[in-house]
C-alpha cells in the first residue's frame, strides 16, 4: 500500500445501508419492501400507474428519513475530511446516510428518495414530504409531472460523465457492500483497474467479479471499514 493515494474512489451498495437496518433494493425473491420490483421500479410501471408508484416511495420516506448512519458511513466521512488526497463517494443507494454521516459531493447514480424530477422542465426538487400526481413543480409551475428521482429499470444512471472521470483518474478503488452483478456499476472496478488503480472489496462474501479486486476483506463493513480507514490515515 503506497504512502499516499491522490484520488480514492469509493463505491457503496445496499450492503452498507443494510447495516443501518434498511432493506436491500432487490431481495432474492424479486421483492423490494414486499413489492414486486416490476410494479414500482420500472418506467413502464410509472407510466401505467403513477399514483401507485408515488405511494410506494412516499411510504418509504419515513423509514429512510429516520435511518442512522453506521460506523462504515462515519468512517468514509472521516476519510473524506482527514485524508490528504481526494476522496470521492459513488453510491447505488437512494438513502442519504452518507450525507447524514457528514460526507459531501456524494454521487447518487440511482437517484435519491428525497428528490423528485419534473418531466416537463427537468428540474429536481428536494422533499421528504409527499409527492404525488397533483404536485406542482416549483420551477415551471406545471402540475402532475413530478416523478420520483429514482433511476428505474430502463433508464440511464445519473452522474455518469463525472463517474467516468473519477474512475479513470483514481489510484485506489474501494467497493463496499455491493453485489457486483448489476451493470454498469459492476464494471466500475474493471475500469479503475484498467487505468492502474489498486482495488479493494469489502463485502460479506466474495462477489462474482472478484477477479478484478486485488484485495478482499470479508465481514461487516461497520467493523472492517473503520480499521481500513485508520490504516490509510496513519500512512
Protein backbone atom coordinates (compact mmCIF):
# COMPACT_ATOMS: atom_id res chain seq x y z
CA UNK A 1 0.00 0.00 0.00
CA UNK A 2 1.61 3.30 -1.11
CA UNK A 3 2.19 6.07 1.37
CA UNK A 4 -0.47 8.32 -0.14
CA UNK A 5 -3.12 7.95 -2.84
CA UNK A 6 -4.01 11.05 -4.82
CA UNK A 7 -7.54 10.03 -5.80
CA UNK A 8 -9.58 7.50 -3.83
CA UNK A 9 -12.94 6.42 -5.24
CA UNK A 10 -15.40 4.50 -3.04
CA UNK A 11 -18.43 2.72 -4.48
CA UNK A 12 -21.11 1.75 -1.96
CA UNK A 13 -24.08 -0.56 -2.41
CA UNK A 14 -27.03 -1.93 -0.50
CA UNK A 15 -24.83 -3.84 1.95
CA UNK A 16 -23.61 -0.70 3.71
CA UNK A 17 -27.20 0.53 4.26
CA UNK A 18 -28.39 -2.90 5.36
CA UNK A 19 -26.19 -2.49 8.44
CA UNK A 20 -28.33 0.56 9.29
CA UNK A 21 -31.45 -1.59 9.11
CA UNK A 22 -32.59 -0.70 5.58
CA UNK A 23 -33.89 -3.37 3.24
CA UNK A 24 -31.73 -4.11 0.22
CA UNK A 25 -33.12 -2.95 -3.11
CA UNK A 26 -33.75 -6.35 -4.59
CA UNK A 27 -34.01 -9.47 -2.49
CA UNK A 28 -33.64 -12.98 -3.87
CA UNK A 29 -37.42 -13.25 -4.19
CA UNK A 30 -37.62 -10.25 -6.52
CA UNK A 31 -39.33 -8.06 -3.94
CA UNK A 32 -38.42 -4.63 -2.64
CA UNK A 33 -40.12 -3.79 0.66
CA UNK A 34 -42.70 -6.50 -0.16
CA UNK A 35 -43.48 -5.09 -3.61
CA UNK A 36 -42.61 -6.76 -6.95
CA UNK A 37 -39.80 -4.71 -8.46
CA UNK A 38 -41.63 -4.65 -11.81
CA UNK A 39 -44.54 -2.78 -10.20
CA UNK A 40 -42.56 0.00 -8.53
CA UNK A 41 -39.18 0.35 -10.23
CA UNK A 42 -39.74 0.41 -13.98
CA UNK A 43 -40.60 3.33 -16.21
CA UNK A 44 -43.48 1.28 -17.62
CA UNK A 45 -44.96 0.85 -14.16
CA UNK A 46 -44.78 4.60 -13.54
CA UNK A 47 -46.43 5.38 -16.88
CA UNK A 48 -49.13 2.80 -16.21
CA UNK A 49 -49.94 3.72 -12.62
CA UNK A 50 -48.06 6.79 -11.33
CA UNK A 51 -50.24 7.04 -8.21
CA UNK A 52 -49.21 3.56 -7.08
CA UNK A 53 -45.52 4.24 -7.66
CA UNK A 54 -45.67 7.59 -5.88
CA UNK A 55 -47.41 5.94 -2.92
CA UNK A 56 -44.65 3.33 -2.70
CA UNK A 57 -41.85 5.89 -2.46
CA UNK A 58 -43.84 8.18 -0.17
CA UNK A 59 -44.31 5.25 2.22
CA UNK A 60 -40.55 4.57 2.20
CA UNK A 61 -39.56 8.11 3.08
CA UNK A 62 -40.18 7.99 6.86
CA UNK A 63 -38.05 4.84 7.22
CA UNK A 64 -35.17 6.29 5.23
CA UNK A 65 -35.51 9.70 6.87
CA UNK A 66 -35.20 8.13 10.31
CA UNK A 67 -32.31 5.78 9.47
CA UNK A 68 -28.99 6.46 11.16
CA UNK A 69 -25.54 6.14 9.57
CA UNK A 70 -23.45 3.26 10.87
CA UNK A 71 -19.69 3.08 11.57
CA UNK A 72 -18.95 2.36 7.89
CA UNK A 73 -20.63 5.59 6.76
CA UNK A 74 -18.89 7.51 9.53
CA UNK A 75 -15.51 6.02 8.59
CA UNK A 76 -15.89 7.18 4.98
CA UNK A 77 -16.86 10.66 6.13
CA UNK A 78 -13.78 10.77 8.35
CA UNK A 79 -11.60 9.61 5.46
CA UNK A 80 -13.05 12.30 3.20
CA UNK A 81 -12.38 15.01 5.79
CA UNK A 82 -8.93 13.97 7.01
CA UNK A 83 -7.17 12.23 4.12
CA UNK A 84 -4.62 14.40 2.27
CA UNK A 85 -5.75 13.14 -1.13
CA UNK A 86 -9.14 13.45 -2.83
CA UNK A 87 -11.85 11.02 -1.66
CA UNK A 88 -14.96 10.63 -3.84
CA UNK A 89 -18.03 8.58 -2.95
CA UNK A 90 -20.29 6.97 -5.55
CA UNK A 91 -23.36 5.22 -4.18
CA UNK A 92 -26.00 2.96 -5.62
CA UNK A 93 -28.20 3.69 -2.60
CA UNK A 94 -31.16 6.06 -2.70
CA UNK A 95 -30.92 6.92 1.02
CA UNK A 96 -28.98 9.87 2.40
CA UNK A 97 -26.93 8.05 5.03
CA UNK A 98 -23.63 9.25 3.59
CA UNK A 99 -24.81 12.84 3.86
CA UNK A 100 -26.06 12.24 7.40
CA UNK A 101 -22.61 10.95 8.29
CA UNK A 102 -21.10 14.20 7.01
CA UNK A 103 -19.86 13.21 3.56
CA UNK A 104 -20.16 15.73 0.76
CA UNK A 105 -20.35 15.62 -3.01
CA UNK A 106 -21.81 12.09 -2.99
CA UNK A 107 -22.77 10.90 -6.47
CA UNK A 108 -26.12 9.09 -6.29
CA UNK A 109 -26.12 7.15 -9.54
CA UNK A 110 -29.53 5.57 -8.79
CA UNK A 111 -31.11 8.81 -7.55
CA UNK A 112 -32.37 9.85 -4.11
CA UNK A 113 -35.54 9.05 -2.20
CA UNK A 114 -35.90 12.68 -1.09
CA UNK A 115 -35.96 14.10 -4.61
CA UNK A 116 -38.41 14.36 -7.48
CA UNK A 117 -37.69 15.37 -11.06
CA UNK A 118 -40.08 17.33 -13.27
CA UNK A 119 -40.73 15.55 -16.56
CA UNK A 120 -41.74 18.90 -18.07
CA UNK A 121 -38.70 21.07 -17.30
CA UNK A 122 -36.16 18.58 -15.96
CA UNK A 123 -35.57 20.42 -12.69
CA UNK A 124 -35.06 18.45 -9.47
CA UNK A 125 -36.73 19.39 -6.21
CA UNK A 126 -35.91 18.05 -2.77
CA UNK A 127 -38.68 16.95 -0.43
CA UNK A 128 -39.08 14.49 2.41
CA UNK A 129 -42.81 15.17 2.22
CA UNK A 130 -45.37 13.52 0.00
CA UNK A 131 -45.06 13.93 -3.77
CA UNK A 132 -47.95 12.80 -5.96
CA UNK A 133 -49.67 13.25 -9.32
CA UNK A 134 -51.03 16.63 -8.20
CA UNK A 135 -47.73 18.11 -7.03
CA UNK A 136 -46.83 21.37 -8.77
CA UNK A 137 -43.26 21.81 -9.98
CA UNK A 138 -41.73 24.76 -8.08
CA UNK A 139 -39.72 25.71 -11.17
CA UNK A 140 -42.13 25.60 -14.14
CA UNK A 141 -45.37 25.62 -12.11
CA UNK A 142 -46.79 22.67 -14.06
CA UNK A 143 -48.78 20.14 -12.01
CA UNK A 144 -48.79 16.37 -12.38
CA UNK A 145 -45.37 15.98 -13.98
CA UNK A 146 -43.21 15.07 -10.98
CA UNK A 147 -41.51 11.67 -10.98
CA UNK A 148 -39.52 10.19 -8.07
CA UNK A 149 -35.88 10.94 -8.84
CA UNK A 150 -35.12 7.24 -8.75
CA UNK A 151 -33.44 5.53 -11.70
CA UNK A 152 -35.93 2.93 -12.84
CA UNK A 153 -35.07 -0.14 -14.86
CA UNK A 154 -34.87 1.07 -18.45
CA UNK A 155 -33.42 4.48 -17.52
CA UNK A 156 -29.82 5.69 -17.66
CA UNK A 157 -27.77 6.10 -14.50
CA UNK A 158 -27.12 9.60 -13.18
CA UNK A 159 -23.78 11.45 -12.98
CA UNK A 160 -22.05 9.02 -15.33
CA UNK A 161 -19.78 11.57 -17.02
CA UNK A 162 -18.35 12.52 -13.64
CA UNK A 163 -18.15 8.86 -12.60
CA UNK A 164 -16.16 8.02 -15.72
CA UNK A 165 -13.69 10.82 -14.99
CA UNK A 166 -13.23 9.64 -11.42
CA UNK A 167 -12.67 6.01 -12.41
CA UNK A 168 -10.07 6.97 -14.99
CA UNK A 169 -8.11 9.14 -12.55
CA UNK A 170 -8.30 7.15 -9.31
CA UNK A 171 -5.35 5.23 -7.90
CA UNK A 172 -7.38 3.43 -5.21
CA UNK A 173 -10.83 1.96 -5.86
CA UNK A 174 -12.82 0.61 -2.91
CA UNK A 175 -16.12 -1.28 -3.27
CA UNK A 176 -18.28 -1.60 -0.15
CA UNK A 177 -21.38 -3.76 0.19
CA UNK A 178 -22.25 -4.12 -3.47
CA UNK A 179 -23.10 -7.42 -5.16
CA UNK A 180 -21.12 -6.83 -8.32
CA UNK A 181 -23.86 -8.20 -10.55
CA UNK A 182 -25.76 -5.05 -11.58
CA UNK A 183 -24.22 -3.33 -14.59
CA UNK A 184 -22.83 -0.87 -15.39
CA UNK A 185 -21.76 -0.34 -11.76
CA UNK A 186 -20.35 -3.88 -11.65
CA UNK A 187 -17.81 -2.81 -14.28
CA UNK A 188 -16.51 0.18 -12.31
CA UNK A 189 -13.73 -1.88 -10.71
CA UNK A 190 -12.65 -3.16 -14.11
CA UNK A 191 -12.39 0.37 -15.49
CA UNK A 192 -10.47 1.63 -12.45
CA UNK A 193 -8.07 -1.31 -12.61
CA UNK A 194 -7.56 -0.78 -16.33
CA UNK A 195 -6.34 2.73 -15.53
CA UNK A 196 -3.94 1.48 -12.87
CA UNK A 197 -5.88 1.68 -9.60
CA UNK A 198 -5.31 -0.65 -6.68
CA UNK A 199 -8.64 -2.30 -5.83
CA UNK A 200 -10.27 -3.40 -2.57
CA UNK A 201 -13.53 -5.24 -1.99
CA UNK A 202 -15.42 -5.06 1.32
CA UNK A 203 -18.31 -7.47 1.49
CA UNK A 204 -19.85 -10.29 3.49
CA UNK A 205 -18.66 -12.71 0.79
CA UNK A 206 -16.64 -12.53 -2.41
CA UNK A 207 -18.60 -11.35 -5.44
CA UNK A 208 -18.84 -12.73 -8.95
CA UNK A 209 -16.39 -10.16 -10.35
CA UNK A 210 -13.78 -10.72 -7.63
CA UNK A 211 -11.11 -11.33 -10.29
CA UNK A 212 -10.65 -7.57 -10.64
CA UNK A 213 -10.08 -6.94 -6.95
CA UNK A 214 -6.54 -7.06 -5.59
CA UNK A 215 -7.73 -7.41 -2.01
CA UNK A 216 -10.85 -8.98 -0.45
CA UNK A 217 -11.87 -8.03 3.08
CA UNK A 218 -14.79 -10.09 4.29
CA UNK A 219 -17.11 -9.22 7.15
CA UNK A 220 -19.48 -6.44 8.18
CA UNK A 221 -18.39 -3.12 6.72
CA UNK A 222 -19.19 -1.42 10.02
CA UNK A 223 -16.40 -3.49 11.58
CA UNK A 224 -13.86 -3.80 8.75
CA UNK A 225 -14.01 -0.39 7.06
CA UNK A 226 -13.18 1.78 10.11
CA UNK A 227 -9.99 -0.27 10.64
CA UNK A 228 -9.04 0.16 6.97
CA UNK A 229 -9.62 3.92 7.19
CA UNK A 230 -7.43 4.17 10.27
CA UNK A 231 -4.63 2.43 8.37
CA UNK A 232 -4.98 4.85 5.47
CA UNK A 233 -4.97 7.86 7.79
CA UNK A 234 -1.95 6.52 9.68
CA UNK A 235 0.00 6.49 6.42
